[in-house]
Amino acid sequence: MPVRKNAVLVTAGLAGVVIAAAMVTASTPASAKIVKYCQGGNHMHYGSGSGPTKRAARRAAIASWSGFTVFEYGSAWGRFSNARLRRTSCAKSGTAWSCSVEGNPCRRAR
């Protein structure tokens, strides 16, 4: 009987370890594993754009931000989704939308 009791305790212990490991893995965002290099301090780049829809205006603003960032640092730095401290603001005037974006340029580690 003691052997069976020990086997049950070991199995329960292993199950607890597996569940704890799964919880830690699930609570760690995938982006936390991506190493980025960012321009020093809070060096921000800005972009603005307009369009018939909010989505179009936001895309134009991001394209503006990206174009200047690529010009200054190269294509590895031009993804707005990699930028740190990203901000977007949009407003509608009549039938047109205008948006502005800002962010600290970053690139992924190679």
PDB file of N, CA and C in Angstrom:
ATOM      1  N   MET A   1       0.799  -1.197   0.000  1.00  0.00           N
ATOM      2  CA  MET A   1       0.000   0.000   0.000  1.00  0.00           C
ATOM      3  C   MET A   1       0.846   1.267   0.000  1.00  0.00           C
ATOM      4  N   PRO A   2       1.967   1.351   0.718  1.00  0.00           N
ATOM      5  CA  PRO A   2       2.772   2.566   0.714  1.00  0.00           C
ATOM      6  C   PRO A   2       3.309   2.908  -0.675  1.00  0.00           C
ATOM      7  N   VAL A   3       3.622   1.910  -1.505  1.00  0.00           N
ATOM      8  CA  VAL A   3       4.131   2.181  -2.850  1.00  0.00           C
ATOM      9  C   VAL A   3       3.066   2.889  -3.681  1.00  0.00           C
ATOM     10  N   ARG A   4       1.833   2.421  -3.585  1.00  0.00           N
ATOM     11  CA  ARG A   4       0.744   3.035  -4.345  1.00  0.00           C
ATOM     12  C   ARG A   4       0.502   4.478  -3.881  1.00  0.00           C
ATOM     13  N   LYS A   5       0.560   4.693  -2.566  1.00  0.00           N
ATOM     14  CA  LYS A   5       0.355   6.024  -2.024  1.00  0.00           C
ATOM     15  C   LYS A   5       1.448   6.975  -2.525  1.00  0.00           C
ATOM     16  N   ASN A   6       2.700   6.510  -2.562  1.00  0.00           N
ATOM     17  CA  ASN A   6       3.804   7.326  -3.068  1.00  0.00           C
ATOM     18  C   ASN A   6       3.627   7.636  -4.557  1.00  0.00           C
ATOM     19  N   ALA A   7       3.163   6.653  -5.310  1.00  0.00           N
ATOM     20  CA  ALA A   7       2.946   6.865  -6.747  1.00  0.00           C
ATOM     21  C   ALA A   7       1.874   7.924  -6.972  1.00  0.00           C
ATOM     22  N   VAL A   8       0.820   7.905  -6.179  1.00  0.00           N
ATOM     23  CA  VAL A   8      -0.243   8.901  -6.292  1.00  0.00           C
ATOM     24  C   VAL A   8       0.294  10.285  -5.948  1.00  0.00           C
ATOM     25  N   LEU A   9       1.087  10.389  -4.892  1.00  0.00           N
ATOM     26  CA  LEU A   9       1.657  11.673  -4.491  1.00  0.00           C
ATOM     27  C   LEU A   9       2.603  12.224  -5.557  1.00  0.00           C
ATOM     28  N   VAL A  10       3.426  11.361  -6.141  1.00  0.00           N
ATOM     29  CA  VAL A  10       4.349  11.791  -7.199  1.00  0.00           C
ATOM     30  C   VAL A  10       3.562  12.261  -8.412  1.00  0.00           C
ATOM     31  N   THR A  11       2.537  11.521  -8.797  1.00  0.00           N
ATOM     32  CA  THR A  11       1.718  11.905  -9.950  1.00  0.00           C
ATOM     33  C   THR A  11       1.031  13.242  -9.699  1.00  0.00           C
ATOM     34  N   ALA A  12       0.486  13.439  -8.515  1.00  0.00           N
ATOM     35  CA  ALA A  12      -0.170  14.702  -8.175  1.00  0.00           C
ATOM     36  C   ALA A  12       0.839  15.846  -8.175  1.00  0.00           C
ATOM     37  N   GLY A  13       2.022  15.585  -7.672  1.00  0.00           N
ATOM     38  CA  GLY A  13       3.072  16.609  -7.653  1.00  0.00           C
ATOM     39  C   GLY A  13       3.490  17.015  -9.053  1.00  0.00           C
ATOM     40  N   LEU A  14       3.666  16.028  -9.938  1.00  0.00           N
ATOM     41  CA  LEU A  14       4.029  16.322 -11.330  1.00  0.00           C
ATOM     42  C   LEU A  14       2.928  17.099 -12.039  1.00  0.00           C
ATOM     43  N   ALA A  15       1.691  16.733 -11.776  1.00  0.00           N
ATOM     44  CA  ALA A  15       0.575  17.459 -12.385  1.00  0.00           C
ATOM     45  C   ALA A  15       0.582  18.917 -11.940  1.00  0.00           C
ATOM     46  N   GLY A  16       0.874  19.154 -10.674  1.00  0.00           N
ATOM     47  CA  GLY A  16       0.943  20.520 -10.167  1.00  0.00           C
ATOM     48  C   GLY A  16       2.049  21.319 -10.831  1.00  0.00           C
ATOM     49  N   VAL A  17       3.195  20.704 -11.048  1.00  0.00           N
ATOM     50  CA  VAL A  17       4.311  21.375 -11.714  1.00  0.00           C
ATOM     51  C   VAL A  17       3.950  21.715 -13.156  1.00  0.00           C
ATOM     52  N   VAL A  18       3.326  20.787 -13.860  1.00  0.00           N
ATOM     53  CA  VAL A  18       2.931  21.024 -15.248  1.00  0.00           C
ATOM     54  C   VAL A  18       1.924  22.166 -15.325  1.00  0.00           C
ATOM     55  N   ILE A  19       0.956  22.178 -14.442  1.00  0.00           N
ATOM     56  CA  ILE A  19      -0.054  23.247 -14.443  1.00  0.00           C
ATOM     57  C   ILE A  19       0.598  24.589 -14.127  1.00  0.00           C
ATOM     58  N   ALA A  20       1.484  24.646 -13.164  1.00  0.00           N
ATOM     59  CA  ALA A  20       2.168  25.898 -12.810  1.00  0.00           C
ATOM     60  C   ALA A  20       3.005  26.405 -13.978  1.00  0.00           C
ATOM     61  N   ALA A  21       3.709  25.503 -14.661  1.00  0.00           N
ATOM     62  CA  ALA A  21       4.522  25.910 -15.811  1.00  0.00           C
ATOM     63  C   ALA A  21       3.647  26.445 -16.931  1.00  0.00           C
ATOM     64  N   ALA A  22       2.507  25.828 -17.154  1.00  0.00           N
ATOM     65  CA  ALA A  22       1.591  26.293 -18.196  1.00  0.00           C
ATOM     66  C   ALA A  22       1.049  27.672 -17.856  1.00  0.00           C
ATOM     67  N   MET A  23       0.762  27.916 -16.591  1.00  0.00           N
ATOM     68  CA  MET A  23       0.249  29.224 -16.186  1.00  0.00           C
ATOM     69  C   MET A  23       1.294  30.313 -16.384  1.00  0.00           C
ATOM     70  N   VAL A  24       2.543  30.033 -16.066  1.00  0.00           N
ATOM     71  CA  VAL A  24       3.610  31.016 -16.250  1.00  0.00           C
ATOM     72  C   VAL A  24       3.812  31.297 -17.733  1.00  0.00           C
ATOM     73  N   THR A  25       3.829  30.264 -18.553  1.00  0.00           N
ATOM     74  CA  THR A  25       4.002  30.439 -19.996  1.00  0.00           C
ATOM     75  C   THR A  25       2.846  31.220 -20.586  1.00  0.00           C
ATOM     76  N   ALA A  26       1.630  30.936 -20.164  1.00  0.00           N
ATOM     77  CA  ALA A  26       0.465  31.619 -20.707  1.00  0.00           C
ATOM     78  C   ALA A  26       0.433  33.090 -20.299  1.00  0.00           C
ATOM     79  N   SER A  27       0.985  33.435 -19.139  1.00  0.00           N
ATOM     80  CA  SER A  27       0.942  34.821 -18.690  1.00  0.00           C
ATOM     81  C   SER A  27       2.075  35.658 -19.261  1.00  0.00           C
ATOM     82  N   THR A  28       3.039  35.047 -19.953  1.00  0.00           N
ATOM     83  CA  THR A  28       4.143  35.779 -20.565  1.00  0.00           C
ATOM     84  C   THR A  28       3.775  36.101 -22.001  1.00  0.00           C
ATOM     85  N   PRO A  29       3.624  37.381 -22.348  1.00  0.00           N
ATOM     86  CA  PRO A  29       3.262  37.714 -23.715  1.00  0.00           C
ATOM     87  C   PRO A  29       4.382  37.341 -24.681  1.00  0.00           C
ATOM     88  N   ALA A  30       4.004  36.984 -25.892  1.00  0.00           N
ATOM     89  CA  ALA A  30       4.988  36.604 -26.905  1.00  0.00           C
ATOM     90  C   ALA A  30       5.944  37.751 -27.185  1.00  0.00           C
ATOM     91  N   SER A  31       5.451  38.989 -27.130  1.00  0.00           N
ATOM     92  CA  SER A  31       6.306  40.137 -27.415  1.00  0.00           C
ATOM     93  C   SER A  31       7.417  40.304 -26.387  1.00  0.00           C
ATOM     94  N   ALA A  32       7.261  39.735 -25.201  1.00  0.00           N
ATOM     95  CA  ALA A  32       8.295  39.851 -24.177  1.00  0.00           C
ATOM     96  C   ALA A  32       9.548  39.081 -24.578  1.00  0.00           C
ATOM     97  N   LYS A  33       9.427  38.151 -25.499  1.00  0.00           N
ATOM     98  CA  LYS A  33      10.554  37.350 -25.933  1.00  0.00           C
ATOM     99  C   LYS A  33      11.287  37.975 -27.118  1.00  0.00           C
ATOM    100  N   ILE A  34      10.766  39.060 -27.666  1.00  0.00           N
ATOM    101  CA  ILE A  34      11.369  39.717 -28.821  1.00  0.00           C
ATOM    102  C   ILE A  34      12.293  40.821 -28.313  1.00  0.00           C
ATOM    103  N   VAL A  35      13.550  40.761 -28.703  1.00  0.00           N
ATOM    104  CA  VAL A  35      14.507  41.787 -28.297  1.00  0.00           C
ATOM    105  C   VAL A  35      14.476  42.895 -29.334  1.00  0.00           C
ATOM    106  N   LYS A  36      14.352  44.133 -28.859  1.00  0.00           N
ATOM    107  CA  LYS A  36      14.335  45.286 -29.745  1.00  0.00           C
ATOM    108  C   LYS A  36      15.437  46.246 -29.346  1.00  0.00           C
ATOM    109  N   TYR A  37      15.985  46.916 -30.343  1.00  0.00           N
ATOM    110  CA  TYR A  37      16.918  48.009 -30.117  1.00  0.00           C
ATOM    111  C   TYR A  37      16.191  49.280 -30.508  1.00  0.00           C
ATOM    112  N   CYS A  38      16.173  50.274 -29.615  1.00  0.00           N
ATOM    113  CA  CYS A  38      15.454  51.512 -29.862  1.00  0.00           C
ATOM    114  C   CYS A  38      16.417  52.683 -29.877  1.00  0.00           C
ATOM    115  N   GLN A  39      16.013  53.732 -30.598  1.00  0.00           N
ATOM    116  CA  GLN A  39      16.801  54.954 -30.609  1.00  0.00           C
ATOM    117  C   GLN A  39      16.816  55.545 -29.209  1.00  0.00           C
ATOM    118  N   GLY A  40      17.933  56.127 -28.823  1.00  0.00           N
ATOM    119  CA  GLY A  40      18.162  56.590 -27.462  1.00  0.00           C
ATOM    120  C   GLY A  40      17.084  57.494 -26.889  1.00  0.00           C
ATOM    121  N   GLY A  41      16.899  57.345 -25.599  1.00  0.00           N
ATOM    122  CA  GLY A  41      15.962  58.197 -24.870  1.00  0.00           C
ATOM    123  C   GLY A  41      14.550  58.105 -25.411  1.00  0.00           C
ATOM    124  N   ASN A  42      13.919  59.237 -25.461  1.00  0.00           N
ATOM    125  CA  ASN A  42      12.559  59.306 -26.000  1.00  0.00           C
ATOM    126  C   ASN A  42      12.567  60.012 -27.350  1.00  0.00           C
ATOM    127  N   HIS A  43      13.520  59.652 -28.188  1.00  0.00           N
ATOM    128  CA  HIS A  43      13.634  60.233 -29.522  1.00  0.00           C
ATOM    129  C   HIS A  43      12.415  59.820 -30.348  1.00  0.00           C
ATOM    130  N   MET A  44      11.498  60.742 -30.556  1.00  0.00           N
ATOM    131  CA  MET A  44      10.236  60.423 -31.213  1.00  0.00           C
ATOM    132  C   MET A  44      10.250  60.857 -32.677  1.00  0.00           C
ATOM    133  N   HIS A  45       9.555  60.084 -33.501  1.00  0.00           N
ATOM    134  CA  HIS A  45       9.283  60.467 -34.881  1.00  0.00           C
ATOM    135  C   HIS A  45       7.784  60.669 -35.005  1.00  0.00           C
ATOM    136  N   TYR A  46       7.388  61.512 -35.950  1.00  0.00           N
ATOM    137  CA  TYR A  46       5.987  61.892 -36.111  1.00  0.00           C
ATOM    138  C   TYR A  46       5.557  61.685 -37.552  1.00  0.00           C
ATOM    139  N   GLY A  47       4.277  61.420 -37.728  1.00  0.00           N
ATOM    140  CA  GLY A  47       3.701  61.309 -39.061  1.00  0.00           C
ATOM    141  C   GLY A  47       2.261  61.767 -39.023  1.00  0.00           C
ATOM    142  N   SER A  48       1.774  62.240 -40.161  1.00  0.00           N
ATOM    143  CA  SER A  48       0.372  62.656 -40.239  1.00  0.00           C
ATOM    144  C   SER A  48      -0.187  62.258 -41.586  1.00  0.00           C
ATOM    145  N   GLY A  49      -1.506  62.088 -41.625  1.00  0.00           N
ATOM    146  CA  GLY A  49      -2.156  61.707 -42.866  1.00  0.00           C
ATOM    147  C   GLY A  49      -3.640  61.981 -42.797  1.00  0.00           C
ATOM    148  N   SER A  50      -4.273  61.953 -43.945  1.00  0.00           N
ATOM    149  CA  SER A  50      -5.720  62.167 -44.004  1.00  0.00           C
ATOM    150  C   SER A  50      -6.317  61.196 -45.004  1.00  0.00           C
ATOM    151  N   GLY A  51      -7.638  61.051 -44.926  1.00  0.00           N
ATOM    152  CA  GLY A  51      -8.325  60.141 -45.825  1.00  0.00           C
ATOM    153  C   GLY A  51      -9.817  60.173 -45.602  1.00  0.00           C
ATOM    154  N   PRO A  52     -10.557  59.482 -46.461  1.00  0.00           N
ATOM    155  CA  PRO A  52     -12.017  59.473 -46.349  1.00  0.00           C
ATOM    156  C   PRO A  52     -12.544  58.679 -45.160  1.00  0.00           C
ATOM    157  N   THR A  53     -11.709  57.771 -44.635  1.00  0.00           N
ATOM    158  CA  THR A  53     -12.099  56.977 -43.465  1.00  0.00           C
ATOM    159  C   THR A  53     -11.005  57.090 -42.407  1.00  0.00           C
ATOM    160  N   LYS A  54     -11.353  56.761 -41.196  1.00  0.00           N
ATOM    161  CA  LYS A  54     -10.371  56.790 -40.104  1.00  0.00           C
ATOM    162  C   LYS A  54      -9.235  55.810 -40.391  1.00  0.00           C
ATOM    163  N   ARG A  55      -9.590  54.654 -40.897  1.00  0.00           N
ATOM    164  CA  ARG A  55      -8.589  53.633 -41.216  1.00  0.00           C
ATOM    165  C   ARG A  55      -7.610  54.125 -42.275  1.00  0.00           C
ATOM    166  N   ALA A  56      -8.141  54.763 -43.320  1.00  0.00           N
ATOM    167  CA  ALA A  56      -7.283  55.284 -44.392  1.00  0.00           C
ATOM    168  C   ALA A  56      -6.372  56.395 -43.870  1.00  0.00           C
ATOM    169  N   ALA A  57      -6.904  57.266 -43.023  1.00  0.00           N
ATOM    170  CA  ALA A  57      -6.105  58.357 -42.466  1.00  0.00           C
ATOM    171  C   ALA A  57      -5.003  57.815 -41.555  1.00  0.00           C
ATOM    172  N   ARG A  58      -5.333  56.812 -40.767  1.00  0.00           N
ATOM    173  CA  ARG A  58      -4.334  56.215 -39.875  1.00  0.00           C
ATOM    174  C   ARG A  58      -3.236  55.534 -40.679  1.00  0.00           C
ATOM    175  N   ARG A  59      -3.619  54.830 -41.727  1.00  0.00           N
ATOM    176  CA  ARG A  59      -2.618  54.188 -42.591  1.00  0.00           C
ATOM    177  C   ARG A  59      -1.713  55.223 -43.250  1.00  0.00           C
ATOM    178  N   ALA A  60      -2.287  56.331 -43.683  1.00  0.00           N
ATOM    179  CA  ALA A  60      -1.487  57.397 -44.303  1.00  0.00           C
ATOM    180  C   ALA A  60      -0.511  57.995 -43.287  1.00  0.00           C
ATOM    181  N   ALA A  61      -0.961  58.180 -42.039  1.00  0.00           N
ATOM    182  CA  ALA A  61      -0.091  58.731 -40.998  1.00  0.00           C
ATOM    183  C   ALA A  61       1.054  57.767 -40.686  1.00  0.00           C
ATOM    184  N   ILE A  62       0.751  56.483 -40.614  1.00  0.00           N
ATOM    185  CA  ILE A  62       1.791  55.481 -40.352  1.00  0.00           C
ATOM    186  C   ILE A  62       2.774  55.420 -41.515  1.00  0.00           C
ATOM    187  N   ALA A  63       2.273  55.524 -42.746  1.00  0.00           N
ATOM    188  CA  ALA A  63       3.157  55.540 -43.922  1.00  0.00           C
ATOM    189  C   ALA A  63       4.076  56.756 -43.881  1.00  0.00           C
ATOM    190  N   SER A  64       3.560  57.886 -43.431  1.00  0.00           N
ATOM    191  CA  SER A  64       4.370  59.093 -43.289  1.00  0.00           C
ATOM    192  C   SER A  64       5.465  58.880 -42.243  1.00  0.00           C
ATOM    193  N   TRP A  65       5.097  58.328 -41.082  1.00  0.00           N
ATOM    194  CA  TRP A  65       6.054  58.036 -40.022  1.00  0.00           C
ATOM    195  C   TRP A  65       7.125  57.075 -40.530  1.00  0.00           C
ATOM    196  N   SER A  66       6.681  56.021 -41.186  1.00  0.00           N
ATOM    197  CA  SER A  66       7.590  54.987 -41.665  1.00  0.00           C
ATOM    198  C   SER A  66       8.545  55.536 -42.723  1.00  0.00           C
ATOM    199  N   GLY A  67       8.024  56.341 -43.649  1.00  0.00           N
ATOM    200  CA  GLY A  67       8.855  56.894 -44.720  1.00  0.00           C
ATOM    201  C   GLY A  67      10.007  57.720 -44.182  1.00  0.00           C
ATOM    202  N   PHE A  68       9.713  58.585 -43.230  1.00  0.00           N
ATOM    203  CA  PHE A  68      10.772  59.407 -42.658  1.00  0.00           C
ATOM    204  C   PHE A  68      11.754  58.569 -41.847  1.00  0.00           C
ATOM    205  N   THR A  69      11.250  57.608 -41.086  1.00  0.00           N
ATOM    206  CA  THR A  69      12.106  56.773 -40.250  1.00  0.00           C
ATOM    207  C   THR A  69      13.044  55.935 -41.109  1.00  0.00           C
ATOM    208  N   VAL A  70      12.531  55.373 -42.196  1.00  0.00           N
ATOM    209  CA  VAL A  70      13.376  54.593 -43.114  1.00  0.00           C
ATOM    210  C   VAL A  70      14.431  55.505 -43.739  1.00  0.00           C
ATOM    211  N   PHE A  71      14.047  56.712 -44.104  1.00  0.00           N
ATOM    212  CA  PHE A  71      14.995  57.670 -44.680  1.00  0.00           C
ATOM    213  C   PHE A  71      16.129  57.954 -43.698  1.00  0.00           C
ATOM    214  N   GLU A  72      15.784  58.125 -42.425  1.00  0.00           N
ATOM    215  CA  GLU A  72      16.787  58.502 -41.435  1.00  0.00           C
ATOM    216  C   GLU A  72      17.637  57.327 -40.955  1.00  0.00           C
ATOM    217  N   TYR A  73      17.018  56.141 -40.727  1.00  0.00           N
ATOM    218  CA  TYR A  73      17.738  55.027 -40.103  1.00  0.00           C
ATOM    219  C   TYR A  73      17.853  53.764 -40.952  1.00  0.00           C
ATOM    220  N   GLY A  74      17.055  53.631 -41.992  1.00  0.00           N
ATOM    221  CA  GLY A  74      17.075  52.419 -42.807  1.00  0.00           C
ATOM    222  C   GLY A  74      15.817  51.578 -42.583  1.00  0.00           C
ATOM    223  N   SER A  75      15.608  50.628 -43.464  1.00  0.00           N
ATOM    224  CA  SER A  75      14.352  49.872 -43.494  1.00  0.00           C
ATOM    225  C   SER A  75      14.100  49.047 -42.235  1.00  0.00           C
ATOM    226  N   ALA A  76      15.143  48.606 -41.553  1.00  0.00           N
ATOM    227  CA  ALA A  76      14.938  47.794 -40.344  1.00  0.00           C
ATOM    228  C   ALA A  76      14.224  48.572 -39.243  1.00  0.00           C
ATOM    229  N   TRP A  77      14.260  49.894 -39.305  1.00  0.00           N
ATOM    230  CA  TRP A  77      13.674  50.734 -38.271  1.00  0.00           C
ATOM    231  C   TRP A  77      12.282  51.228 -38.637  1.00  0.00           C
ATOM    232  N   GLY A  78      11.805  50.958 -39.826  1.00  0.00           N
ATOM    233  CA  GLY A  78      10.602  51.586 -40.358  1.00  0.00           C
ATOM    234  C   GLY A  78       9.259  50.976 -40.010  1.00  0.00           C
ATOM    235  N   ARG A  79       9.206  49.949 -39.189  1.00  0.00           N
ATOM    236  CA  ARG A  79       7.916  49.344 -38.825  1.00  0.00           C
ATOM    237  C   ARG A  79       7.334  50.046 -37.603  1.00  0.00           C
ATOM    238  N   PHE A  80       6.195  50.707 -37.799  1.00  0.00           N
ATOM    239  CA  PHE A  80       5.546  51.415 -36.701  1.00  0.00           C
ATOM    240  C   PHE A  80       5.149  50.446 -35.589  1.00  0.00           C
ATOM    241  N   SER A  81       4.824  49.212 -35.937  1.00  0.00           N
ATOM    242  CA  SER A  81       4.430  48.224 -34.925  1.00  0.00           C
ATOM    243  C   SER A  81       5.588  47.872 -33.986  1.00  0.00           C
ATOM    244  N   ASN A  82       6.830  48.122 -34.393  1.00  0.00           N
ATOM    245  CA  ASN A  82       7.985  47.881 -33.531  1.00  0.00           C
ATOM    246  C   ASN A  82       8.329  49.086 -32.664  1.00  0.00           C
ATOM    247  N   ALA A  83       7.737  50.232 -32.961  1.00  0.00           N
ATOM    248  CA  ALA A  83       8.078  51.454 -32.231  1.00  0.00           C
ATOM    249  C   ALA A  83       7.664  51.354 -30.768  1.00  0.00           C
ATOM    250  N   ARG A  84       8.410  52.044 -29.938  1.00  0.00           N
ATOM    251  CA  ARG A  84       8.110  52.118 -28.519  1.00  0.00           C
ATOM    252  C   ARG A  84       7.364  53.429 -28.274  1.00  0.00           C
ATOM    253  N   LEU A  85       6.526  53.482 -27.278  1.00  0.00           N
ATOM    254  CA  LEU A  85       5.773  54.692 -26.904  1.00  0.00           C
ATOM    255  C   LEU A  85       4.892  55.185 -28.058  1.00  0.00           C
ATOM    256  N   ARG A  86       4.251  54.251 -28.767  1.00  0.00           N
ATOM    257  CA  ARG A  86       3.382  54.617 -29.901  1.00  0.00           C
ATOM    258  C   ARG A  86       2.149  55.366 -29.420  1.00  0.00           C
ATOM    259  N   ARG A  87       1.788  56.381 -30.173  1.00  0.00           N
ATOM    260  CA  ARG A  87       0.541  57.113 -29.921  1.00  0.00           C
ATOM    261  C   ARG A  87      -0.107  57.437 -31.253  1.00  0.00           C
ATOM    262  N   THR A  88      -1.419  57.345 -31.279  1.00  0.00           N
ATOM    263  CA  THR A  88      -2.200  57.682 -32.470  1.00  0.00           C
ATOM    264  C   THR A  88      -3.362  58.554 -32.034  1.00  0.00           C
ATOM    265  N   SER A  89      -3.619  59.604 -32.792  1.00  0.00           N
ATOM    266  CA  SER A  89      -4.813  60.409 -32.535  1.00  0.00           C
ATOM    267  C   SER A  89      -5.456  60.761 -33.879  1.00  0.00           C
ATOM    268  N   CYS A  90      -6.773  60.709 -33.919  1.00  0.00           N
ATOM    269  CA  CYS A  90      -7.513  60.967 -35.141  1.00  0.00           C
ATOM    270  C   CYS A  90      -8.694  61.888 -34.858  1.00  0.00           C
ATOM    271  N   ALA A  91      -9.083  62.640 -35.869  1.00  0.00           N
ATOM    272  CA  ALA A  91     -10.234  63.531 -35.744  1.00  0.00           C
ATOM    273  C   ALA A  91     -10.946  63.606 -37.088  1.00  0.00           C
ATOM    274  N   LYS A  92     -12.257  63.767 -37.024  1.00  0.00           N
ATOM    275  CA  LYS A  92     -13.062  63.888 -38.235  1.00  0.00           C
ATOM    276  C   LYS A  92     -13.477  65.348 -38.402  1.00  0.00           C
ATOM    277  N   SER A  93     -13.323  65.841 -39.624  1.00  0.00           N
ATOM    278  CA  SER A  93     -13.730  67.200 -39.946  1.00  0.00           C
ATOM    279  C   SER A  93     -14.552  67.134 -41.228  1.00  0.00           C
ATOM    280  N   GLY A  94     -15.847  67.364 -41.105  1.00  0.00           N
ATOM    281  CA  GLY A  94     -16.722  67.205 -42.270  1.00  0.00           C
ATOM    282  C   GLY A  94     -16.806  65.740 -42.655  1.00  0.00           C
ATOM    283  N   THR A  95     -16.374  65.443 -43.871  1.00  0.00           N
ATOM    284  CA  THR A  95     -16.409  64.046 -44.333  1.00  0.00           C
ATOM    285  C   THR A  95     -15.026  63.403 -44.337  1.00  0.00           C
ATOM    286  N   ALA A  96     -13.995  64.163 -43.966  1.00  0.00           N
ATOM    287  CA  ALA A  96     -12.619  63.645 -44.013  1.00  0.00           C
ATOM    288  C   ALA A  96     -12.079  63.390 -42.608  1.00  0.00           C
ATOM    289  N   TRP A  97     -11.170  62.451 -42.536  1.00  0.00           N
ATOM    290  CA  TRP A  97     -10.468  62.122 -41.299  1.00  0.00           C
ATOM    291  C   TRP A  97      -9.020  62.574 -41.410  1.00  0.00           C
ATOM    292  N   SER A  98      -8.422  62.965 -40.285  1.00  0.00           N
ATOM    293  CA  SER A  98      -6.986  63.228 -40.224  1.00  0.00           C
ATOM    294  C   SER A  98      -6.446  62.542 -38.978  1.00  0.00           C
ATOM    295  N   CYS A  99      -5.265  61.992 -39.105  1.00  0.00           N
ATOM    296  CA  CYS A  99      -4.627  61.292 -37.999  1.00  0.00           C
ATOM    297  C   CYS A  99      -3.178  61.713 -37.873  1.00  0.00           C
ATOM    298  N   SER A 100      -2.676  61.634 -36.663  1.00  0.00           N
ATOM    299  CA  SER A 100      -1.252  61.840 -36.422  1.00  0.00           C
ATOM    300  C   SER A 100      -0.765  60.693 -35.542  1.00  0.00           C
ATOM    301  N   VAL A 101       0.482  60.294 -35.784  1.00  0.00           N
ATOM    302  CA  VAL A 101       1.097  59.215 -35.016  1.00  0.00           C
ATOM    303  C   VAL A 101       2.470  59.665 -34.555  1.00  0.00           C
ATOM    304  N   GLU A 102       2.932  59.058 -33.481  1.00  0.00           N
ATOM    305  CA  GLU A 102       4.291  59.291 -33.011  1.00  0.00           C
ATOM    306  C   GLU A 102       4.799  58.014 -32.373  1.00  0.00           C
ATOM    307  N   GLY A 103       6.091  57.838 -32.395  1.00  0.00           N
ATOM    308  CA  GLY A 103       6.688  56.665 -31.769  1.00  0.00           C
ATOM    309  C   GLY A 103       8.196  56.737 -31.793  1.00  0.00           C
ATOM    310  N   ASN A 104       8.804  56.083 -30.826  1.00  0.00           N
ATOM    311  CA  ASN A 104      10.263  55.977 -30.737  1.00  0.00           C
ATOM    312  C   ASN A 104      10.689  54.820 -31.637  1.00  0.00           C
ATOM    313  N   PRO A 105      11.467  55.087 -32.706  1.00  0.00           N
ATOM    314  CA  PRO A 105      11.848  54.026 -33.641  1.00  0.00           C
ATOM    315  C   PRO A 105      12.645  52.903 -32.980  1.00  0.00           C
ATOM    316  N   CYS A 106      12.243  51.664 -33.263  1.00  0.00           N
ATOM    317  CA  CYS A 106      12.939  50.471 -32.766  1.00  0.00           C
ATOM    318  C   CYS A 106      13.067  49.478 -33.913  1.00  0.00           C
ATOM    319  N   ARG A 107      14.050  48.612 -33.781  1.00  0.00           N
ATOM    320  CA  ARG A 107      14.175  47.510 -34.735  1.00  0.00           C
ATOM    321  C   ARG A 107      14.337  46.233 -33.938  1.00  0.00           C
ATOM    322  N   ARG A 108      13.970  45.143 -34.558  1.00  0.00           N
ATOM    323  CA  ARG A 108      14.143  43.841 -33.918  1.00  0.00           C
ATOM    324  C   ARG A 108      15.595  43.430 -33.958  1.00  0.00           C
ATOM    325  N   ALA A 109      16.007  42.679 -32.969  1.00  0.00           N
ATOM    326  CA  ALA A 109      17.375  42.161 -32.939  1.00  0.00           C
ATOM    327  C   ALA A 109      17.556  41.177 -34.072  1.00  0.00           C
ATOM    328  N   ARG A 110      18.749  41.116 -34.569  1.00  0.00           N
ATOM    329  CA  ARG A 110      19.025  40.195 -35.690  1.00  0.00           C
ATOM    330  C   ARG A 110      19.436  38.849 -35.192  1.00  0.00           C
TER     331      ARG A 110
END
